Amino acid sequence: MIYAYIFVMAGVTYLIRMLPLTLFQKKITNVYIRSFLYYVPYACLTAMTFPAILYATESPVSAFAGLVTAVVFAVKEKSLVTVAGFSCVAVFLAERILGCV
């Protein structure tokens, strides 16, 4: 029975990716649809990443400290490695102060 689930999921995934390529052969010229499609990847990435940020640590307070640190460094246009590094340090320090580790 598990193989049936796997084949159905594979078929649905294939159809989701294949149908737009076959149905929409012309370039999309509608401004509203193009702007919607432009922002979909950012919205999906945010929807997947944000809950992981809040539940990846021992305490929501340390997760929030890491999130705030990441936002501050990202707004200052620092590199991805710098943002990730300082966020990890902020979470580590917050958990040490809170005594979670």
PDB file of N, CA and C in Angstrom:
ATOM      1  N   MET A   1       0.823  -1.206   0.000  1.00  0.00           N
ATOM      2  CA  MET A   1       0.000   0.000   0.000  1.00  0.00           C
ATOM      3  C   MET A   1       0.862   1.264   0.000  1.00  0.00           C
ATOM      4  N   ILE A   2       2.010   1.183   0.645  1.00  0.00           N
ATOM      5  CA  ILE A   2       2.882   2.355   0.711  1.00  0.00           C
ATOM      6  C   ILE A   2       3.370   2.754  -0.678  1.00  0.00           C
ATOM      7  N   TYR A   3       3.565   1.753  -1.556  1.00  0.00           N
ATOM      8  CA  TYR A   3       4.015   2.063  -2.910  1.00  0.00           C
ATOM      9  C   TYR A   3       2.950   2.836  -3.683  1.00  0.00           C
ATOM     10  N   ALA A   4       1.687   2.556  -3.422  1.00  0.00           N
ATOM     11  CA  ALA A   4       0.610   3.303  -4.079  1.00  0.00           C
ATOM     12  C   ALA A   4       0.668   4.772  -3.677  1.00  0.00           C
ATOM     13  N   TYR A   5       0.908   5.037  -2.389  1.00  0.00           N
ATOM     14  CA  TYR A   5       1.035   6.415  -1.933  1.00  0.00           C
ATOM     15  C   TYR A   5       2.211   7.114  -2.607  1.00  0.00           C
ATOM     16  N   ILE A   6       3.318   6.410  -2.712  1.00  0.00           N
ATOM     17  CA  ILE A   6       4.509   6.992  -3.335  1.00  0.00           C
ATOM     18  C   ILE A   6       4.255   7.298  -4.806  1.00  0.00           C
ATOM     19  N   PHE A   7       3.605   6.382  -5.527  1.00  0.00           N
ATOM     20  CA  PHE A   7       3.323   6.612  -6.942  1.00  0.00           C
ATOM     21  C   PHE A   7       2.324   7.753  -7.139  1.00  0.00           C
ATOM     22  N   VAL A   8       1.333   7.849  -6.278  1.00  0.00           N
ATOM     23  CA  VAL A   8       0.368   8.948  -6.381  1.00  0.00           C
ATOM     24  C   VAL A   8       1.056  10.279  -6.113  1.00  0.00           C
ATOM     25  N   MET A   9       1.893  10.318  -5.084  1.00  0.00           N
ATOM     26  CA  MET A   9       2.607  11.566  -4.778  1.00  0.00           C
ATOM     27  C   MET A   9       3.549  11.945  -5.915  1.00  0.00           C
ATOM     28  N   ALA A  10       4.217  10.965  -6.506  1.00  0.00           N
ATOM     29  CA  ALA A  10       5.106  11.243  -7.636  1.00  0.00           C
ATOM     30  C   ALA A  10       4.309  11.769  -8.824  1.00  0.00           C
ATOM     31  N   GLY A  11       3.157  11.174  -9.083  1.00  0.00           N
ATOM     32  CA  GLY A  11       2.313  11.641 -10.181  1.00  0.00           C
ATOM     33  C   GLY A  11       1.806  13.054  -9.972  1.00  0.00           C
ATOM     34  N   VAL A  12       1.364  13.352  -8.766  1.00  0.00           N
ATOM     35  CA  VAL A  12       0.868  14.698  -8.475  1.00  0.00           C
ATOM     36  C   VAL A  12       1.998  15.715  -8.599  1.00  0.00           C
ATOM     37  N   THR A  13       3.168  15.373  -8.073  1.00  0.00           N
ATOM     38  CA  THR A  13       4.306  16.282  -8.177  1.00  0.00           C
ATOM     39  C   THR A  13       4.679  16.520  -9.632  1.00  0.00           C
ATOM     40  N   TYR A  14       4.679  15.467 -10.428  1.00  0.00           N
ATOM     41  CA  TYR A  14       5.006  15.600 -11.843  1.00  0.00           C
ATOM     42  C   TYR A  14       3.975  16.471 -12.557  1.00  0.00           C
ATOM     43  N   LEU A  15       2.699  16.249 -12.284  1.00  0.00           N
ATOM     44  CA  LEU A  15       1.646  17.039 -12.944  1.00  0.00           C
ATOM     45  C   LEU A  15       1.736  18.510 -12.570  1.00  0.00           C
ATOM     46  N   ILE A  16       2.033  18.796 -11.304  1.00  0.00           N
ATOM     47  CA  ILE A  16       2.133  20.194 -10.871  1.00  0.00           C
ATOM     48  C   ILE A  16       3.250  20.907 -11.614  1.00  0.00           C
ATOM     49  N   ARG A  17       4.322  20.207 -11.900  1.00  0.00           N
ATOM     50  CA  ARG A  17       5.455  20.830 -12.586  1.00  0.00           C
ATOM     51  C   ARG A  17       5.298  20.808 -14.101  1.00  0.00           C
ATOM     52  N   MET A  18       4.601  19.822 -14.635  1.00  0.00           N
ATOM     53  CA  MET A  18       4.497  19.667 -16.070  1.00  0.00           C
ATOM     54  C   MET A  18       3.355  20.478 -16.683  1.00  0.00           C
ATOM     55  N   LEU A  19       2.224  20.554 -15.997  1.00  0.00           N
ATOM     56  CA  LEU A  19       1.054  21.222 -16.578  1.00  0.00           C
ATOM     57  C   LEU A  19       1.293  22.701 -16.924  1.00  0.00           C
ATOM     58  N   PRO A  20       1.896  23.511 -16.053  1.00  0.00           N
ATOM     59  CA  PRO A  20       2.123  24.899 -16.466  1.00  0.00           C
ATOM     60  C   PRO A  20       3.012  25.020 -17.702  1.00  0.00           C
ATOM     61  N   LEU A  21       3.974  24.132 -17.849  1.00  0.00           N
ATOM     62  CA  LEU A  21       4.845  24.190 -19.028  1.00  0.00           C
ATOM     63  C   LEU A  21       4.107  23.848 -20.305  1.00  0.00           C
ATOM     64  N   THR A  22       3.115  22.966 -20.229  1.00  0.00           N
ATOM     65  CA  THR A  22       2.392  22.571 -21.429  1.00  0.00           C
ATOM     66  C   THR A  22       1.173  23.458 -21.699  1.00  0.00           C
ATOM     67  N   LEU A  23       0.552  23.979 -20.662  1.00  0.00           N
ATOM     68  CA  LEU A  23      -0.651  24.783 -20.868  1.00  0.00           C
ATOM     69  C   LEU A  23      -0.350  26.231 -21.231  1.00  0.00           C
ATOM     70  N   PHE A  24       0.709  26.785 -20.661  1.00  0.00           N
ATOM     71  CA  PHE A  24       1.036  28.192 -20.890  1.00  0.00           C
ATOM     72  C   PHE A  24       2.285  28.275 -21.747  1.00  0.00           C
ATOM     73  N   GLN A  25       2.095  28.239 -23.062  1.00  0.00           N
ATOM     74  CA  GLN A  25       3.237  28.266 -23.977  1.00  0.00           C
ATOM     75  C   GLN A  25       3.650  29.699 -24.308  1.00  0.00           C
ATOM     76  N   LYS A  26       2.707  30.627 -24.246  1.00  0.00           N
ATOM     77  CA  LYS A  26       3.031  32.026 -24.540  1.00  0.00           C
ATOM     78  C   LYS A  26       3.577  32.705 -23.293  1.00  0.00           C
ATOM     79  N   LYS A  27       4.252  33.813 -23.509  1.00  0.00           N
ATOM     80  CA  LYS A  27       4.750  34.591 -22.388  1.00  0.00           C
ATOM     81  C   LYS A  27       3.568  35.263 -21.688  1.00  0.00           C
ATOM     82  N   ILE A  28       3.580  35.254 -20.356  1.00  0.00           N
ATOM     83  CA  ILE A  28       2.512  35.869 -19.576  1.00  0.00           C
ATOM     84  C   ILE A  28       2.728  37.366 -19.596  1.00  0.00           C
ATOM     85  N   THR A  29       1.734  38.090 -20.094  1.00  0.00           N
ATOM     86  CA  THR A  29       1.877  39.540 -20.227  1.00  0.00           C
ATOM     87  C   THR A  29       1.082  40.315 -19.178  1.00  0.00           C
ATOM     88  N   ASN A  30       0.177  39.654 -18.479  1.00  0.00           N
ATOM     89  CA  ASN A  30      -0.624  40.322 -17.469  1.00  0.00           C
ATOM     90  C   ASN A  30       0.283  40.760 -16.316  1.00  0.00           C
ATOM     91  N   VAL A  31       0.233  42.055 -15.999  1.00  0.00           N
ATOM     92  CA  VAL A  31       1.119  42.625 -14.987  1.00  0.00           C
ATOM     93  C   VAL A  31       0.823  42.039 -13.611  1.00  0.00           C
ATOM     94  N   TYR A  32      -0.432  41.836 -13.285  1.00  0.00           N
ATOM     95  CA  TYR A  32      -0.799  41.330 -11.965  1.00  0.00           C
ATOM     96  C   TYR A  32      -0.361  39.878 -11.769  1.00  0.00           C
ATOM     97  N   ILE A  33      -0.540  39.073 -12.778  1.00  0.00           N
ATOM     98  CA  ILE A  33      -0.116  37.674 -12.679  1.00  0.00           C
ATOM     99  C   ILE A  33       1.405  37.587 -12.606  1.00  0.00           C
ATOM    100  N   ARG A  34       2.094  38.411 -13.400  1.00  0.00           N
ATOM    101  CA  ARG A  34       3.564  38.395 -13.356  1.00  0.00           C
ATOM    102  C   ARG A  34       4.084  38.843 -11.992  1.00  0.00           C
ATOM    103  N   SER A  35       3.474  39.858 -11.412  1.00  0.00           N
ATOM    104  CA  SER A  35       3.936  40.307 -10.095  1.00  0.00           C
ATOM    105  C   SER A  35       3.617  39.261  -9.028  1.00  0.00           C
ATOM    106  N   PHE A  36       2.474  38.582  -9.153  1.00  0.00           N
ATOM    107  CA  PHE A  36       2.146  37.499  -8.224  1.00  0.00           C
ATOM    108  C   PHE A  36       3.174  36.381  -8.319  1.00  0.00           C
ATOM    109  N   LEU A  37       3.489  35.961  -9.533  1.00  0.00           N
ATOM    110  CA  LEU A  37       4.451  34.879  -9.724  1.00  0.00           C
ATOM    111  C   LEU A  37       5.854  35.279  -9.299  1.00  0.00           C
ATOM    112  N   TYR A  38       6.156  36.575  -9.347  1.00  0.00           N
ATOM    113  CA  TYR A  38       7.473  37.046  -8.916  1.00  0.00           C
ATOM    114  C   TYR A  38       7.663  36.854  -7.414  1.00  0.00           C
ATOM    115  N   TYR A  39       6.609  37.086  -6.636  1.00  0.00           N
ATOM    116  CA  TYR A  39       6.723  37.026  -5.182  1.00  0.00           C
ATOM    117  C   TYR A  39       6.431  35.656  -4.578  1.00  0.00           C
ATOM    118  N   VAL A  40       5.952  34.699  -5.346  1.00  0.00           N
ATOM    119  CA  VAL A  40       5.634  33.379  -4.810  1.00  0.00           C
ATOM    120  C   VAL A  40       6.846  32.682  -4.196  1.00  0.00           C
ATOM    121  N   PRO A  41       8.017  32.664  -4.829  1.00  0.00           N
ATOM    122  CA  PRO A  41       9.157  31.980  -4.187  1.00  0.00           C
ATOM    123  C   PRO A  41       9.531  32.587  -2.838  1.00  0.00           C
ATOM    124  N   TYR A  42       9.475  33.899  -2.707  1.00  0.00           N
ATOM    125  CA  TYR A  42       9.810  34.540  -1.440  1.00  0.00           C
ATOM    126  C   TYR A  42       8.789  34.181  -0.357  1.00  0.00           C
ATOM    127  N   ALA A  43       7.530  34.138  -0.732  1.00  0.00           N
ATOM    128  CA  ALA A  43       6.490  33.793   0.244  1.00  0.00           C
ATOM    129  C   ALA A  43       6.621  32.342   0.693  1.00  0.00           C
ATOM    130  N   CYS A  44       6.903  31.451  -0.240  1.00  0.00           N
ATOM    131  CA  CYS A  44       7.066  30.030   0.123  1.00  0.00           C
ATOM    132  C   CYS A  44       8.293  29.831   1.001  1.00  0.00           C
ATOM    133  N   LEU A  45       9.383  30.488   0.667  1.00  0.00           N
ATOM    134  CA  LEU A  45      10.589  30.366   1.473  1.00  0.00           C
ATOM    135  C   LEU A  45      10.369  30.899   2.880  1.00  0.00           C
ATOM    136  N   THR A  46       9.669  32.002   3.000  1.00  0.00           N
ATOM    137  CA  THR A  46       9.362  32.562   4.308  1.00  0.00           C
ATOM    138  C   THR A  46       8.455  31.633   5.104  1.00  0.00           C
ATOM    139  N   ALA A  47       7.453  31.080   4.449  1.00  0.00           N
ATOM    140  CA  ALA A  47       6.526  30.179   5.144  1.00  0.00           C
ATOM    141  C   ALA A  47       7.213  28.909   5.630  1.00  0.00           C
ATOM    142  N   MET A  48       8.253  28.475   4.944  1.00  0.00           N
ATOM    143  CA  MET A  48       8.972  27.280   5.386  1.00  0.00           C
ATOM    144  C   MET A  48      10.040  27.605   6.425  1.00  0.00           C
ATOM    145  N   THR A  49      10.674  28.769   6.317  1.00  0.00           N
ATOM    146  CA  THR A  49      11.809  29.091   7.168  1.00  0.00           C
ATOM    147  C   THR A  49      11.396  29.656   8.518  1.00  0.00           C
ATOM    148  N   PHE A  50      10.404  30.505   8.561  1.00  0.00           N
ATOM    149  CA  PHE A  50      10.059  31.203   9.799  1.00  0.00           C
ATOM    150  C   PHE A  50       9.675  30.262  10.941  1.00  0.00           C
ATOM    151  N   PRO A  51       8.813  29.265  10.722  1.00  0.00           N
ATOM    152  CA  PRO A  51       8.527  28.340  11.834  1.00  0.00           C
ATOM    153  C   PRO A  51       9.763  27.555  12.281  1.00  0.00           C
ATOM    154  N   ALA A  52      10.629  27.218  11.340  1.00  0.00           N
ATOM    155  CA  ALA A  52      11.851  26.490  11.699  1.00  0.00           C
ATOM    156  C   ALA A  52      12.750  27.343  12.583  1.00  0.00           C
ATOM    157  N   ILE A  53      12.766  28.630  12.351  1.00  0.00           N
ATOM    158  CA  ILE A  53      13.580  29.530  13.179  1.00  0.00           C
ATOM    159  C   ILE A  53      13.071  29.514  14.612  1.00  0.00           C
ATOM    160  N   LEU A  54      11.773  29.566  14.785  1.00  0.00           N
ATOM    161  CA  LEU A  54      11.222  29.689  16.129  1.00  0.00           C
ATOM    162  C   LEU A  54      11.254  28.390  16.925  1.00  0.00           C
ATOM    163  N   TYR A  55      11.279  27.244  16.245  1.00  0.00           N
ATOM    164  CA  TYR A  55      11.223  25.972  16.964  1.00  0.00           C
ATOM    165  C   TYR A  55      12.537  25.192  16.931  1.00  0.00           C
ATOM    166  N   ALA A  56      13.610  25.777  16.434  1.00  0.00           N
ATOM    167  CA  ALA A  56      14.875  25.063  16.308  1.00  0.00           C
ATOM    168  C   ALA A  56      15.726  25.131  17.571  1.00  0.00           C
ATOM    169  N   THR A  57      15.338  25.933  18.536  1.00  0.00           N
ATOM    170  CA  THR A  57      16.139  26.102  19.742  1.00  0.00           C
ATOM    171  C   THR A  57      15.383  25.562  20.952  1.00  0.00           C
ATOM    172  N   GLU A  58      16.070  25.576  22.088  1.00  0.00           N
ATOM    173  CA  GLU A  58      15.460  25.100  23.331  1.00  0.00           C
ATOM    174  C   GLU A  58      14.402  26.056  23.860  1.00  0.00           C
ATOM    175  N   SER A  59      14.579  27.340  23.569  1.00  0.00           N
ATOM    176  CA  SER A  59      13.691  28.352  24.128  1.00  0.00           C
ATOM    177  C   SER A  59      13.247  29.320  23.032  1.00  0.00           C
ATOM    178  N   PRO A  60      12.002  29.742  23.049  1.00  0.00           N
ATOM    179  CA  PRO A  60      11.560  30.751  22.080  1.00  0.00           C
ATOM    180  C   PRO A  60      12.290  32.084  22.240  1.00  0.00           C
ATOM    181  N   VAL A  61      12.760  32.354  23.461  1.00  0.00           N
ATOM    182  CA  VAL A  61      13.484  33.607  23.689  1.00  0.00           C
ATOM    183  C   VAL A  61      14.807  33.601  22.933  1.00  0.00           C
ATOM    184  N   SER A  62      15.533  32.485  22.977  1.00  0.00           N
ATOM    185  CA  SER A  62      16.800  32.413  22.247  1.00  0.00           C
ATOM    186  C   SER A  62      16.563  32.412  20.736  1.00  0.00           C
ATOM    187  N   ALA A  63      15.467  31.807  20.296  1.00  0.00           N
ATOM    188  CA  ALA A  63      15.132  31.841  18.874  1.00  0.00           C
ATOM    189  C   ALA A  63      14.839  33.263  18.429  1.00  0.00           C
ATOM    190  N   PHE A  64      14.130  34.002  19.256  1.00  0.00           N
ATOM    191  CA  PHE A  64      13.829  35.392  18.932  1.00  0.00           C
ATOM    192  C   PHE A  64      15.104  36.231  18.918  1.00  0.00           C
ATOM    193  N   ALA A  65      16.044  35.938  19.826  1.00  0.00           N
ATOM    194  CA  ALA A  65      17.320  36.656  19.839  1.00  0.00           C
ATOM    195  C   ALA A  65      18.079  36.407  18.538  1.00  0.00           C
ATOM    196  N   GLY A  66      18.101  35.171  18.080  1.00  0.00           N
ATOM    197  CA  GLY A  66      18.751  34.868  16.813  1.00  0.00           C
ATOM    198  C   GLY A  66      18.065  35.519  15.632  1.00  0.00           C
ATOM    199  N   LEU A  67      16.731  35.535  15.660  1.00  0.00           N
ATOM    200  CA  LEU A  67      15.966  36.167  14.585  1.00  0.00           C
ATOM    201  C   LEU A  67      16.240  37.664  14.522  1.00  0.00           C
ATOM    202  N   VAL A  68      16.219  38.316  15.661  1.00  0.00           N
ATOM    203  CA  VAL A  68      16.467  39.764  15.701  1.00  0.00           C
ATOM    204  C   VAL A  68      17.887  40.066  15.228  1.00  0.00           C
ATOM    205  N   THR A  69      18.842  39.260  15.670  1.00  0.00           N
ATOM    206  CA  THR A  69      20.225  39.456  15.235  1.00  0.00           C
ATOM    207  C   THR A  69      20.350  39.291  13.724  1.00  0.00           C
ATOM    208  N   ALA A  70      19.712  38.279  13.185  1.00  0.00           N
ATOM    209  CA  ALA A  70      19.770  38.051  11.742  1.00  0.00           C
ATOM    210  C   ALA A  70      19.144  39.209  10.974  1.00  0.00           C
ATOM    211  N   VAL A  71      18.013  39.708  11.448  1.00  0.00           N
ATOM    212  CA  VAL A  71      17.348  40.815  10.764  1.00  0.00           C
ATOM    213  C   VAL A  71      18.216  42.071  10.806  1.00  0.00           C
ATOM    214  N   VAL A  72      18.826  42.345  11.963  1.00  0.00           N
ATOM    215  CA  VAL A  72      19.665  43.540  12.088  1.00  0.00           C
ATOM    216  C   VAL A  72      20.849  43.476  11.125  1.00  0.00           C
ATOM    217  N   PHE A  73      21.523  42.333  11.088  1.00  0.00           N
ATOM    218  CA  PHE A  73      22.679  42.214  10.195  1.00  0.00           C
ATOM    219  C   PHE A  73      22.261  42.166   8.728  1.00  0.00           C
ATOM    220  N   ALA A  74      21.111  41.609   8.433  1.00  0.00           N
ATOM    221  CA  ALA A  74      20.629  41.583   7.054  1.00  0.00           C
ATOM    222  C   ALA A  74      20.249  42.979   6.579  1.00  0.00           C
ATOM    223  N   VAL A  75      19.651  43.770   7.460  1.00  0.00           N
ATOM    224  CA  VAL A  75      19.293  45.141   7.092  1.00  0.00           C
ATOM    225  C   VAL A  75      20.550  45.972   6.838  1.00  0.00           C
ATOM    226  N   LYS A  76      21.615  45.656   7.566  1.00  0.00           N
ATOM    227  CA  LYS A  76      22.896  46.345   7.354  1.00  0.00           C
ATOM    228  C   LYS A  76      23.639  45.802   6.139  1.00  0.00           C
ATOM    229  N   GLU A  77      23.007  44.872   5.411  1.00  0.00           N
ATOM    230  CA  GLU A  77      23.531  44.288   4.177  1.00  0.00           C
ATOM    231  C   GLU A  77      24.866  43.585   4.371  1.00  0.00           C
ATOM    232  N   LYS A  78      24.968  42.819   5.445  1.00  0.00           N
ATOM    233  CA  LYS A  78      26.149  41.994   5.677  1.00  0.00           C
ATOM    234  C   LYS A  78      26.025  40.703   4.870  1.00  0.00           C
ATOM    235  N   SER A  79      27.117  39.975   4.743  1.00  0.00           N
ATOM    236  CA  SER A  79      27.088  38.741   3.960  1.00  0.00           C
ATOM    237  C   SER A  79      26.283  37.662   4.680  1.00  0.00           C
ATOM    238  N   LEU A  80      25.910  36.641   3.932  1.00  0.00           N
ATOM    239  CA  LEU A  80      25.113  35.553   4.485  1.00  0.00           C
ATOM    240  C   LEU A  80      25.871  34.816   5.582  1.00  0.00           C
ATOM    241  N   VAL A  81      27.163  34.632   5.396  1.00  0.00           N
ATOM    242  CA  VAL A  81      27.976  33.949   6.400  1.00  0.00           C
ATOM    243  C   VAL A  81      28.024  34.772   7.684  1.00  0.00           C
ATOM    244  N   THR A  82      28.152  36.080   7.560  1.00  0.00           N
ATOM    245  CA  THR A  82      28.177  36.954   8.735  1.00  0.00           C
ATOM    246  C   THR A  82      26.848  36.914   9.473  1.00  0.00           C
ATOM    247  N   VAL A  83      25.758  36.991   8.740  1.00  0.00           N
ATOM    248  CA  VAL A  83      24.427  36.952   9.351  1.00  0.00           C
ATOM    249  C   VAL A  83      24.212  35.634  10.079  1.00  0.00           C
ATOM    250  N   ALA A  84      24.536  34.528   9.425  1.00  0.00           N
ATOM    251  CA  ALA A  84      24.345  33.215  10.035  1.00  0.00           C
ATOM    252  C   ALA A  84      25.251  33.037  11.249  1.00  0.00           C
ATOM    253  N   GLY A  85      26.482  33.478  11.133  1.00  0.00           N
ATOM    254  CA  GLY A  85      27.418  33.329  12.244  1.00  0.00           C
ATOM    255  C   GLY A  85      27.002  34.102  13.475  1.00  0.00           C
ATOM    256  N   PHE A  86      26.662  35.361  13.307  1.00  0.00           N
ATOM    257  CA  PHE A  86      26.251  36.170  14.452  1.00  0.00           C
ATOM    258  C   PHE A  86      24.913  35.708  15.027  1.00  0.00           C
ATOM    259  N   SER A  87      24.037  35.179  14.183  1.00  0.00           N
ATOM    260  CA  SER A  87      22.777  34.641  14.689  1.00  0.00           C
ATOM    261  C   SER A  87      23.023  33.408  15.551  1.00  0.00           C
ATOM    262  N   CYS A  88      23.934  32.574  15.109  1.00  0.00           N
ATOM    263  CA  CYS A  88      24.278  31.390  15.915  1.00  0.00           C
ATOM    264  C   CYS A  88      24.893  31.786  17.242  1.00  0.00           C
ATOM    265  N   VAL A  89      25.758  32.793  17.220  1.00  0.00           N
ATOM    266  CA  VAL A  89      26.370  33.275  18.460  1.00  0.00           C
ATOM    267  C   VAL A  89      25.309  33.848  19.386  1.00  0.00           C
ATOM    268  N   ALA A  90      24.361  34.598  18.825  1.00  0.00           N
ATOM    269  CA  ALA A  90      23.299  35.188  19.643  1.00  0.00           C
ATOM    270  C   ALA A  90      22.439  34.094  20.287  1.00  0.00           C
ATOM    271  N   VAL A  91      22.109  33.057  19.536  1.00  0.00           N
ATOM    272  CA  VAL A  91      21.322  31.957  20.098  1.00  0.00           C
ATOM    273  C   VAL A  91      22.116  31.233  21.175  1.00  0.00           C
ATOM    274  N   PHE A  92      23.390  30.981  20.908  1.00  0.00           N
ATOM    275  CA  PHE A  92      24.225  30.295  21.887  1.00  0.00           C
ATOM    276  C   PHE A  92      24.309  31.095  23.187  1.00  0.00           C
ATOM    277  N   LEU A  93      24.562  32.387  23.081  1.00  0.00           N
ATOM    278  CA  LEU A  93      24.662  33.222  24.285  1.00  0.00           C
ATOM    279  C   LEU A  93      23.328  33.310  25.014  1.00  0.00           C
ATOM    280  N   ALA A  94      22.244  33.436  24.276  1.00  0.00           N
ATOM    281  CA  ALA A  94      20.930  33.526  24.913  1.00  0.00           C
ATOM    282  C   ALA A  94      20.596  32.234  25.654  1.00  0.00           C
ATOM    283  N   GLU A  95      20.933  31.094  25.066  1.00  0.00           N
ATOM    284  CA  GLU A  95      20.653  29.830  25.746  1.00  0.00           C
ATOM    285  C   GLU A  95      21.571  29.625  26.944  1.00  0.00           C
ATOM    286  N   ARG A  96      22.803  30.108  26.864  1.00  0.00           N
ATOM    287  CA  ARG A  96      23.700  30.027  28.021  1.00  0.00           C
ATOM    288  C   ARG A  96      23.183  30.905  29.152  1.00  0.00           C
ATOM    289  N   ILE A  97      22.727  32.092  28.814  1.00  0.00           N
ATOM    290  CA  ILE A  97      22.199  33.009  29.856  1.00  0.00           C
ATOM    291  C   ILE A  97      20.929  32.445  30.475  1.00  0.00           C
ATOM    292  N   LEU A  98      20.086  31.868  29.654  1.00  0.00           N
ATOM    293  CA  LEU A  98      18.833  31.298  30.167  1.00  0.00           C
ATOM    294  C   LEU A  98      19.035  29.961  30.866  1.00  0.00           C
ATOM    295  N   GLY A  99      20.175  29.341  30.650  1.00  0.00           N
ATOM    296  CA  GLY A  99      20.460  28.062  31.284  1.00  0.00           C
ATOM    297  C   GLY A  99      19.789  26.887  30.617  1.00  0.00           C
ATOM    298  N   CYS A 100      19.514  26.980  29.329  1.00  0.00           N
ATOM    299  CA  CYS A 100      18.830  25.892  28.627  1.00  0.00           C
ATOM    300  C   CYS A 100      19.779  24.781  28.232  1.00  0.00           C
ATOM    301  N   VAL A 101      21.053  25.093  28.067  1.00  0.00           N
ATOM    302  CA  VAL A 101      21.999  24.077  27.571  1.00  0.00           C
ATOM    303  C   VAL A 101      22.610  23.326  28.717  1.00  0.00           C
TER     304      VAL A 101
END
